[in-house]
Amino acid sequence: MLTDDRALDSMVCGHAPEFAHPVASASRVYRGSVVAVCQDGTIVRAGTAAPPSPIVAIEGIAQYGQDNTGTSNVYGANSGAGLVPVRKGAWALPFDVAPTWANKGAPVYAVDDETVSLTQTPEGGDARLQVGVLTGIDSTGTPWTYIS
């Protein structure tokens, strides 16, 4: 799980509409984290075990950090529920196991707010939410996940 903001490489591509969401109570998101939208429209980091409202789906990548835990002013103006823009597109997300071109077009699932996987249900675990699809691997070997 992320413990601070991060910057991710992205590619320009067509995708679905993007929305800003408030952060769920007692939750914090980091810039660059994979976030999920809850039934009440709030967002939490992917992999959150007990969100205040049930998670519906992965929404995209948080564009900045927002702390709604009520315990920190580290984020200054970004403390409280706020509205965090969530981006879609193609992202260089780290995989738990490196994919190959044979996996192109395969569903990609959230392990947590930082890491993705080609495995939907790990051995002995619960089903993971789909983030997007493996869109390709660039010349440096970096896999790209398309979130629409």
N, C-alpha and C. Protein backbone atom coordinates (compact mmCIF):
# COMPACT_ATOMS: atom_id res chain seq x y z
N MET A 1 0.85 -1.19 0.00
CA MET A 1 0.00 0.00 0.00
C MET A 1 0.89 1.24 0.00
N LEU A 2 0.43 2.27 -0.70
CA LEU A 2 1.17 3.53 -0.72
C LEU A 2 1.17 4.17 0.65
N THR A 3 2.22 4.89 0.96
CA THR A 3 2.29 5.66 2.19
C THR A 3 2.53 7.13 1.90
N ASP A 4 2.58 7.51 0.62
CA ASP A 4 2.79 8.89 0.22
C ASP A 4 2.37 9.06 -1.23
N ASP A 5 2.32 10.31 -1.70
CA ASP A 5 1.98 10.60 -3.08
C ASP A 5 3.01 9.99 -4.02
N ARG A 6 2.59 9.76 -5.28
CA ARG A 6 3.52 9.30 -6.30
C ARG A 6 3.12 9.91 -7.64
N ALA A 7 4.05 9.96 -8.56
CA ALA A 7 3.78 10.40 -9.92
C ALA A 7 3.83 9.17 -10.81
N LEU A 8 2.90 9.07 -11.75
CA LEU A 8 2.84 7.93 -12.67
C LEU A 8 2.97 8.44 -14.10
N ASP A 9 3.61 7.67 -14.95
CA ASP A 9 3.62 7.98 -16.37
C ASP A 9 2.26 7.63 -16.94
N SER A 10 1.78 8.45 -17.89
CA SER A 10 0.51 8.16 -18.54
C SER A 10 0.62 8.47 -20.02
N MET A 11 -0.33 7.96 -20.81
CA MET A 11 -0.40 8.22 -22.25
C MET A 11 -1.74 8.88 -22.54
N VAL A 12 -1.75 9.78 -23.51
CA VAL A 12 -2.99 10.40 -23.95
C VAL A 12 -3.77 9.36 -24.76
N CYS A 13 -5.04 9.18 -24.44
CA CYS A 13 -5.89 8.25 -25.18
C CYS A 13 -7.34 8.57 -24.88
N GLY A 14 -8.22 8.12 -25.75
CA GLY A 14 -9.64 8.33 -25.52
C GLY A 14 -10.13 7.47 -24.37
N HIS A 15 -11.08 7.99 -23.63
CA HIS A 15 -11.59 7.22 -22.49
C HIS A 15 -12.93 7.77 -22.06
N ALA A 16 -13.45 7.26 -20.98
CA ALA A 16 -14.75 7.64 -20.45
C ALA A 16 -14.67 8.99 -19.72
N PRO A 17 -15.81 9.57 -19.38
CA PRO A 17 -15.80 10.83 -18.63
C PRO A 17 -15.08 10.69 -17.29
N GLU A 18 -14.54 11.80 -16.82
CA GLU A 18 -13.84 11.83 -15.54
C GLU A 18 -14.63 12.69 -14.56
N PHE A 19 -14.68 12.26 -13.31
CA PHE A 19 -15.43 12.96 -12.28
C PHE A 19 -14.53 13.23 -11.08
N ALA A 20 -14.90 14.23 -10.30
CA ALA A 20 -14.25 14.48 -9.02
C ALA A 20 -15.16 13.90 -7.94
N HIS A 21 -14.56 13.33 -6.91
CA HIS A 21 -15.32 12.69 -5.84
C HIS A 21 -14.80 13.14 -4.48
N PRO A 22 -15.68 13.21 -3.47
CA PRO A 22 -15.19 13.45 -2.10
C PRO A 22 -14.56 12.17 -1.55
N VAL A 23 -13.62 12.36 -0.66
CA VAL A 23 -12.96 11.23 -0.01
C VAL A 23 -13.85 10.75 1.14
N ALA A 24 -14.02 9.44 1.25
CA ALA A 24 -14.85 8.86 2.30
C ALA A 24 -14.33 9.25 3.68
N SER A 25 -15.24 9.31 4.65
CA SER A 25 -14.83 9.65 6.01
C SER A 25 -13.83 8.62 6.53
N ALA A 26 -12.92 9.10 7.36
CA ALA A 26 -11.87 8.27 7.96
C ALA A 26 -10.94 7.66 6.92
N SER A 27 -10.85 8.29 5.73
CA SER A 27 -10.03 7.76 4.65
C SER A 27 -9.06 8.82 4.14
N ARG A 28 -8.02 8.34 3.47
CA ARG A 28 -7.02 9.21 2.85
C ARG A 28 -6.68 8.61 1.50
N VAL A 29 -6.55 9.45 0.48
CA VAL A 29 -6.04 8.99 -0.81
C VAL A 29 -4.76 9.76 -1.10
N TYR A 30 -3.89 9.14 -1.87
CA TYR A 30 -2.63 9.76 -2.28
C TYR A 30 -2.67 10.05 -3.77
N ARG A 31 -1.97 11.10 -4.17
CA ARG A 31 -1.84 11.38 -5.61
C ARG A 31 -1.20 10.15 -6.25
N GLY A 32 -1.80 9.68 -7.32
CA GLY A 32 -1.28 8.51 -8.01
C GLY A 32 -1.82 7.20 -7.50
N SER A 33 -2.70 7.23 -6.52
CA SER A 33 -3.25 5.96 -6.02
C SER A 33 -4.43 5.52 -6.88
N VAL A 34 -4.58 4.20 -6.99
CA VAL A 34 -5.75 3.63 -7.65
C VAL A 34 -6.89 3.77 -6.65
N VAL A 35 -8.00 4.40 -7.08
CA VAL A 35 -9.11 4.62 -6.16
C VAL A 35 -10.38 3.94 -6.66
N ALA A 36 -11.21 3.56 -5.70
CA ALA A 36 -12.49 2.92 -5.97
C ALA A 36 -13.61 3.85 -5.53
N VAL A 37 -14.71 3.84 -6.27
CA VAL A 37 -15.88 4.64 -5.89
C VAL A 37 -16.82 3.74 -5.09
N CYS A 38 -17.40 4.34 -4.06
CA CYS A 38 -18.33 3.63 -3.17
C CYS A 38 -19.76 3.95 -3.59
N GLN A 39 -20.72 3.21 -3.04
CA GLN A 39 -22.14 3.40 -3.37
C GLN A 39 -22.61 4.82 -3.10
N ASP A 40 -22.03 5.50 -2.12
CA ASP A 40 -22.45 6.86 -1.79
C ASP A 40 -21.72 7.93 -2.62
N GLY A 41 -20.87 7.50 -3.57
CA GLY A 41 -20.17 8.46 -4.43
C GLY A 41 -18.82 8.91 -3.91
N THR A 42 -18.45 8.49 -2.70
CA THR A 42 -17.14 8.84 -2.16
C THR A 42 -16.10 7.88 -2.73
N ILE A 43 -14.81 8.23 -2.55
CA ILE A 43 -13.75 7.35 -3.00
C ILE A 43 -12.87 6.91 -1.84
N VAL A 44 -12.28 5.73 -2.03
CA VAL A 44 -11.30 5.17 -1.10
C VAL A 44 -10.19 4.55 -1.95
N ARG A 45 -9.05 4.31 -1.31
CA ARG A 45 -7.97 3.63 -2.02
C ARG A 45 -8.36 2.18 -2.31
N ALA A 46 -7.99 1.69 -3.49
CA ALA A 46 -8.23 0.28 -3.80
C ALA A 46 -7.55 -0.57 -2.74
N GLY A 47 -8.22 -1.62 -2.33
CA GLY A 47 -7.68 -2.50 -1.30
C GLY A 47 -8.12 -2.12 0.10
N THR A 48 -8.94 -1.07 0.23
CA THR A 48 -9.45 -0.69 1.55
C THR A 48 -10.33 -1.81 2.08
N ALA A 49 -10.02 -2.29 3.27
CA ALA A 49 -10.70 -3.47 3.82
C ALA A 49 -12.12 -3.20 4.29
N ALA A 50 -12.36 -2.07 4.94
CA ALA A 50 -13.68 -1.82 5.52
C ALA A 50 -14.11 -0.38 5.21
N PRO A 51 -14.49 -0.10 3.95
CA PRO A 51 -14.90 1.26 3.62
C PRO A 51 -16.22 1.61 4.31
N PRO A 52 -16.47 2.92 4.55
CA PRO A 52 -17.71 3.32 5.21
C PRO A 52 -18.96 3.03 4.38
N SER A 53 -18.81 2.95 3.06
CA SER A 53 -19.90 2.61 2.15
C SER A 53 -19.37 1.52 1.22
N PRO A 54 -20.20 0.55 0.82
CA PRO A 54 -19.69 -0.54 -0.02
C PRO A 54 -19.06 -0.03 -1.33
N ILE A 55 -17.95 -0.66 -1.73
CA ILE A 55 -17.26 -0.29 -2.96
C ILE A 55 -18.03 -0.82 -4.16
N VAL A 56 -18.14 0.02 -5.19
CA VAL A 56 -18.85 -0.35 -6.41
C VAL A 56 -17.87 -0.80 -7.50
N ALA A 57 -16.83 0.02 -7.76
CA ALA A 57 -15.91 -0.28 -8.85
C ALA A 57 -14.67 0.58 -8.72
N ILE A 58 -13.62 0.20 -9.45
CA ILE A 58 -12.44 1.05 -9.55
C ILE A 58 -12.81 2.26 -10.40
N GLU A 59 -12.44 3.45 -9.95
CA GLU A 59 -12.80 4.69 -10.65
C GLU A 59 -11.65 5.23 -11.49
N GLY A 60 -10.40 5.07 -11.04
CA GLY A 60 -9.27 5.60 -11.79
C GLY A 60 -8.11 5.94 -10.88
N ILE A 61 -7.34 6.98 -11.28
CA ILE A 61 -6.14 7.40 -10.56
C ILE A 61 -6.39 8.78 -9.92
N ALA A 62 -6.17 8.89 -8.61
CA ALA A 62 -6.36 10.16 -7.90
C ALA A 62 -5.34 11.18 -8.38
N GLN A 63 -5.81 12.40 -8.65
CA GLN A 63 -4.92 13.44 -9.17
C GLN A 63 -4.18 14.20 -8.09
N TYR A 64 -4.62 14.12 -6.85
CA TYR A 64 -3.86 14.68 -5.73
C TYR A 64 -4.30 14.02 -4.44
N GLY A 65 -3.48 14.20 -3.42
CA GLY A 65 -3.78 13.61 -2.12
C GLY A 65 -4.83 14.40 -1.38
N GLN A 66 -5.62 13.70 -0.61
CA GLN A 66 -6.66 14.32 0.21
C GLN A 66 -6.82 13.48 1.47
N ASP A 67 -6.76 14.12 2.64
CA ASP A 67 -6.83 13.43 3.92
C ASP A 67 -8.14 13.76 4.62
N ASN A 68 -9.02 12.77 4.77
CA ASN A 68 -10.28 12.96 5.47
C ASN A 68 -10.33 12.08 6.72
N THR A 69 -9.15 11.86 7.33
CA THR A 69 -9.11 11.04 8.54
C THR A 69 -9.43 11.85 9.79
N GLY A 70 -9.35 13.17 9.68
CA GLY A 70 -9.61 14.02 10.82
C GLY A 70 -8.48 14.05 11.83
N THR A 71 -7.34 13.43 11.48
CA THR A 71 -6.24 13.35 12.43
C THR A 71 -4.99 14.09 11.96
N SER A 72 -5.02 14.65 10.76
CA SER A 72 -3.79 15.24 10.24
C SER A 72 -4.06 16.51 9.46
N ASN A 73 -3.19 17.47 9.62
CA ASN A 73 -3.23 18.67 8.78
C ASN A 73 -2.06 18.69 7.82
N VAL A 74 -1.44 17.54 7.61
CA VAL A 74 -0.30 17.44 6.71
C VAL A 74 -0.67 17.97 5.33
N TYR A 75 -1.89 17.73 4.89
CA TYR A 75 -2.32 18.14 3.57
C TYR A 75 -2.86 19.57 3.54
N GLY A 76 -2.89 20.25 4.68
CA GLY A 76 -3.34 21.64 4.72
C GLY A 76 -4.72 21.80 4.13
N ALA A 77 -4.80 22.53 3.00
CA ALA A 77 -6.08 22.77 2.34
C ALA A 77 -6.69 21.47 1.81
N ASN A 78 -5.90 20.44 1.69
CA ASN A 78 -6.41 19.17 1.20
C ASN A 78 -6.79 18.23 2.34
N SER A 79 -7.22 18.82 3.46
CA SER A 79 -7.74 18.03 4.57
C SER A 79 -9.26 18.12 4.52
N GLY A 80 -9.93 17.05 4.93
CA GLY A 80 -11.39 17.00 4.88
C GLY A 80 -11.84 16.18 3.67
N ALA A 81 -13.15 16.13 3.46
CA ALA A 81 -13.71 15.31 2.38
C ALA A 81 -13.23 15.79 1.02
N GLY A 82 -13.24 17.11 0.78
CA GLY A 82 -12.76 17.68 -0.48
C GLY A 82 -13.33 16.99 -1.70
N LEU A 83 -12.92 17.44 -2.87
CA LEU A 83 -13.24 16.77 -4.13
C LEU A 83 -11.93 16.47 -4.82
N VAL A 84 -11.71 15.22 -5.15
CA VAL A 84 -10.47 14.80 -5.81
C VAL A 84 -10.80 14.40 -7.24
N PRO A 85 -10.20 15.07 -8.23
CA PRO A 85 -10.39 14.64 -9.62
C PRO A 85 -9.77 13.26 -9.81
N VAL A 86 -10.48 12.40 -10.51
CA VAL A 86 -10.01 11.04 -10.76
C VAL A 86 -9.86 10.87 -12.27
N ARG A 87 -8.64 10.51 -12.70
CA ARG A 87 -8.31 10.40 -14.13
C ARG A 87 -8.43 8.97 -14.61
N LYS A 88 -8.74 8.86 -15.88
CA LYS A 88 -8.75 7.59 -16.59
C LYS A 88 -7.67 7.70 -17.66
N GLY A 89 -7.41 6.64 -18.40
CA GLY A 89 -6.39 6.66 -19.44
C GLY A 89 -5.49 5.44 -19.33
N ALA A 90 -4.32 5.52 -19.96
CA ALA A 90 -3.35 4.42 -19.91
C ALA A 90 -2.27 4.78 -18.90
N TRP A 91 -2.02 3.89 -17.97
CA TRP A 91 -1.11 4.16 -16.85
C TRP A 91 -0.06 3.07 -16.70
N ALA A 92 1.14 3.48 -16.34
CA ALA A 92 2.24 2.55 -16.09
C ALA A 92 2.17 2.10 -14.63
N LEU A 93 1.26 1.18 -14.35
CA LEU A 93 1.06 0.68 -12.99
C LEU A 93 1.95 -0.54 -12.76
N PRO A 94 2.54 -0.67 -11.56
CA PRO A 94 3.36 -1.84 -11.28
C PRO A 94 2.49 -3.09 -11.10
N PHE A 95 2.98 -4.20 -11.67
CA PHE A 95 2.30 -5.50 -11.57
C PHE A 95 2.96 -6.35 -10.50
N ASP A 96 2.17 -7.23 -9.89
CA ASP A 96 2.74 -8.18 -8.93
C ASP A 96 3.61 -9.21 -9.64
N VAL A 97 3.22 -9.62 -10.83
CA VAL A 97 4.00 -10.53 -11.68
C VAL A 97 4.00 -9.91 -13.07
N ALA A 98 5.18 -9.74 -13.64
CA ALA A 98 5.31 -9.06 -14.93
C ALA A 98 4.51 -9.77 -16.03
N PRO A 99 3.64 -9.02 -16.73
CA PRO A 99 2.90 -9.62 -17.85
C PRO A 99 3.78 -9.68 -19.09
N THR A 100 3.31 -10.42 -20.08
CA THR A 100 3.99 -10.49 -21.38
C THR A 100 2.99 -10.06 -22.46
N TRP A 101 3.48 -9.97 -23.68
CA TRP A 101 2.58 -9.61 -24.78
C TRP A 101 1.48 -10.64 -24.96
N ALA A 102 1.69 -11.86 -24.50
CA ALA A 102 0.64 -12.89 -24.58
C ALA A 102 -0.58 -12.49 -23.74
N ASN A 103 -0.39 -11.57 -22.79
CA ASN A 103 -1.48 -11.12 -21.92
C ASN A 103 -2.21 -9.89 -22.44
N LYS A 104 -1.81 -9.36 -23.59
CA LYS A 104 -2.44 -8.14 -24.12
C LYS A 104 -3.96 -8.30 -24.16
N GLY A 105 -4.66 -7.30 -23.68
CA GLY A 105 -6.12 -7.32 -23.65
C GLY A 105 -6.70 -8.04 -22.45
N ALA A 106 -5.85 -8.63 -21.62
CA ALA A 106 -6.33 -9.35 -20.44
C ALA A 106 -6.81 -8.37 -19.37
N PRO A 107 -7.82 -8.76 -18.60
CA PRO A 107 -8.26 -7.91 -17.50
C PRO A 107 -7.15 -7.73 -16.47
N VAL A 108 -7.09 -6.54 -15.89
CA VAL A 108 -6.12 -6.21 -14.86
C VAL A 108 -6.89 -5.88 -13.59
N TYR A 109 -6.45 -6.42 -12.46
CA TYR A 109 -7.17 -6.29 -11.19
C TYR A 109 -6.33 -5.57 -10.15
N ALA A 110 -6.97 -4.86 -9.23
CA ALA A 110 -6.28 -4.12 -8.17
C ALA A 110 -5.88 -5.06 -7.05
N VAL A 111 -4.58 -5.08 -6.73
CA VAL A 111 -4.09 -5.79 -5.55
C VAL A 111 -4.29 -4.85 -4.36
N ASP A 112 -3.93 -3.59 -4.55
CA ASP A 112 -4.11 -2.53 -3.57
C ASP A 112 -4.12 -1.20 -4.33
N ASP A 113 -3.86 -0.09 -3.66
CA ASP A 113 -3.93 1.22 -4.32
C ASP A 113 -2.71 1.51 -5.18
N GLU A 114 -1.74 0.60 -5.18
CA GLU A 114 -0.48 0.81 -5.88
C GLU A 114 -0.22 -0.25 -6.94
N THR A 115 -0.54 -1.49 -6.67
CA THR A 115 -0.14 -2.63 -7.48
C THR A 115 -1.34 -3.28 -8.14
N VAL A 116 -1.11 -3.80 -9.37
CA VAL A 116 -2.17 -4.51 -10.10
C VAL A 116 -1.70 -5.91 -10.42
N SER A 117 -2.64 -6.74 -10.91
CA SER A 117 -2.37 -8.15 -11.16
C SER A 117 -3.23 -8.66 -12.31
N LEU A 118 -2.78 -9.72 -12.94
CA LEU A 118 -3.61 -10.41 -13.93
C LEU A 118 -4.48 -11.47 -13.26
N THR A 119 -4.30 -11.67 -11.94
CA THR A 119 -5.04 -12.67 -11.18
C THR A 119 -6.22 -12.02 -10.46
N GLN A 120 -7.44 -12.47 -10.80
CA GLN A 120 -8.63 -11.90 -10.17
C GLN A 120 -8.80 -12.35 -8.73
N THR A 121 -8.62 -13.63 -8.48
CA THR A 121 -8.80 -14.16 -7.14
C THR A 121 -7.54 -14.90 -6.72
N PRO A 122 -6.73 -14.29 -5.84
CA PRO A 122 -5.53 -14.99 -5.40
C PRO A 122 -5.91 -16.20 -4.54
N GLU A 123 -5.00 -17.16 -4.46
CA GLU A 123 -5.26 -18.37 -3.67
C GLU A 123 -5.62 -17.98 -2.23
N GLY A 124 -6.77 -18.41 -1.79
CA GLY A 124 -7.22 -18.16 -0.43
C GLY A 124 -7.71 -16.74 -0.20
N GLY A 125 -7.84 -15.95 -1.26
CA GLY A 125 -8.27 -14.56 -1.10
C GLY A 125 -9.61 -14.27 -1.72
N ASP A 126 -10.04 -13.03 -1.58
CA ASP A 126 -11.30 -12.57 -2.17
C ASP A 126 -11.07 -12.05 -3.57
N ALA A 127 -12.14 -12.00 -4.36
CA ALA A 127 -12.06 -11.48 -5.72
C ALA A 127 -11.64 -10.01 -5.69
N ARG A 128 -10.75 -9.66 -6.62
CA ARG A 128 -10.28 -8.28 -6.75
C ARG A 128 -11.13 -7.54 -7.77
N LEU A 129 -11.15 -6.21 -7.64
CA LEU A 129 -11.88 -5.38 -8.58
C LEU A 129 -11.06 -5.16 -9.84
N GLN A 130 -11.74 -5.15 -11.00
CA GLN A 130 -11.04 -4.91 -12.25
C GLN A 130 -10.71 -3.43 -12.38
N VAL A 131 -9.44 -3.16 -12.69
CA VAL A 131 -8.95 -1.79 -12.90
C VAL A 131 -9.15 -1.41 -14.36
N GLY A 132 -8.81 -2.32 -15.25
CA GLY A 132 -8.86 -2.06 -16.68
C GLY A 132 -8.34 -3.27 -17.44
N VAL A 133 -7.63 -3.00 -18.55
CA VAL A 133 -7.05 -4.07 -19.35
C VAL A 133 -5.59 -3.75 -19.66
N LEU A 134 -4.81 -4.80 -19.87
CA LEU A 134 -3.42 -4.62 -20.28
C LEU A 134 -3.44 -4.16 -21.73
N THR A 135 -2.98 -2.94 -21.96
CA THR A 135 -3.04 -2.38 -23.30
C THR A 135 -1.77 -2.60 -24.10
N GLY A 136 -0.66 -2.83 -23.42
CA GLY A 136 0.58 -3.09 -24.13
C GLY A 136 1.78 -2.97 -23.21
N ILE A 137 2.95 -3.22 -23.79
CA ILE A 137 4.21 -3.13 -23.07
C ILE A 137 5.15 -2.30 -23.93
N ASP A 138 5.71 -1.24 -23.36
CA ASP A 138 6.56 -0.36 -24.17
C ASP A 138 7.96 -0.94 -24.36
N SER A 139 8.81 -0.21 -25.09
CA SER A 139 10.13 -0.71 -25.45
C SER A 139 11.06 -0.91 -24.25
N THR A 140 10.72 -0.30 -23.11
CA THR A 140 11.53 -0.47 -21.90
C THR A 140 11.05 -1.67 -21.07
N GLY A 141 9.95 -2.31 -21.51
CA GLY A 141 9.39 -3.44 -20.77
C GLY A 141 8.32 -3.03 -19.77
N THR A 142 7.94 -1.76 -19.77
CA THR A 142 6.93 -1.26 -18.83
C THR A 142 5.52 -1.63 -19.35
N PRO A 143 4.73 -2.35 -18.53
CA PRO A 143 3.35 -2.67 -18.94
C PRO A 143 2.43 -1.46 -18.70
N TRP A 144 1.45 -1.30 -19.59
CA TRP A 144 0.49 -0.18 -19.51
C TRP A 144 -0.92 -0.73 -19.34
N THR A 145 -1.63 -0.18 -18.35
CA THR A 145 -3.01 -0.57 -18.06
C THR A 145 -3.94 0.53 -18.52
N TYR A 146 -4.93 0.17 -19.31
CA TYR A 146 -5.92 1.14 -19.80
C TYR A 146 -7.12 1.12 -18.87
N ILE A 147 -7.41 2.28 -18.28
CA ILE A 147 -8.56 2.45 -17.38
C ILE A 147 -9.56 3.32 -18.12
N SER A 148 -10.75 2.76 -18.39
CA SER A 148 -11.76 3.54 -19.13
C SER A 148 -12.97 3.88 -18.29
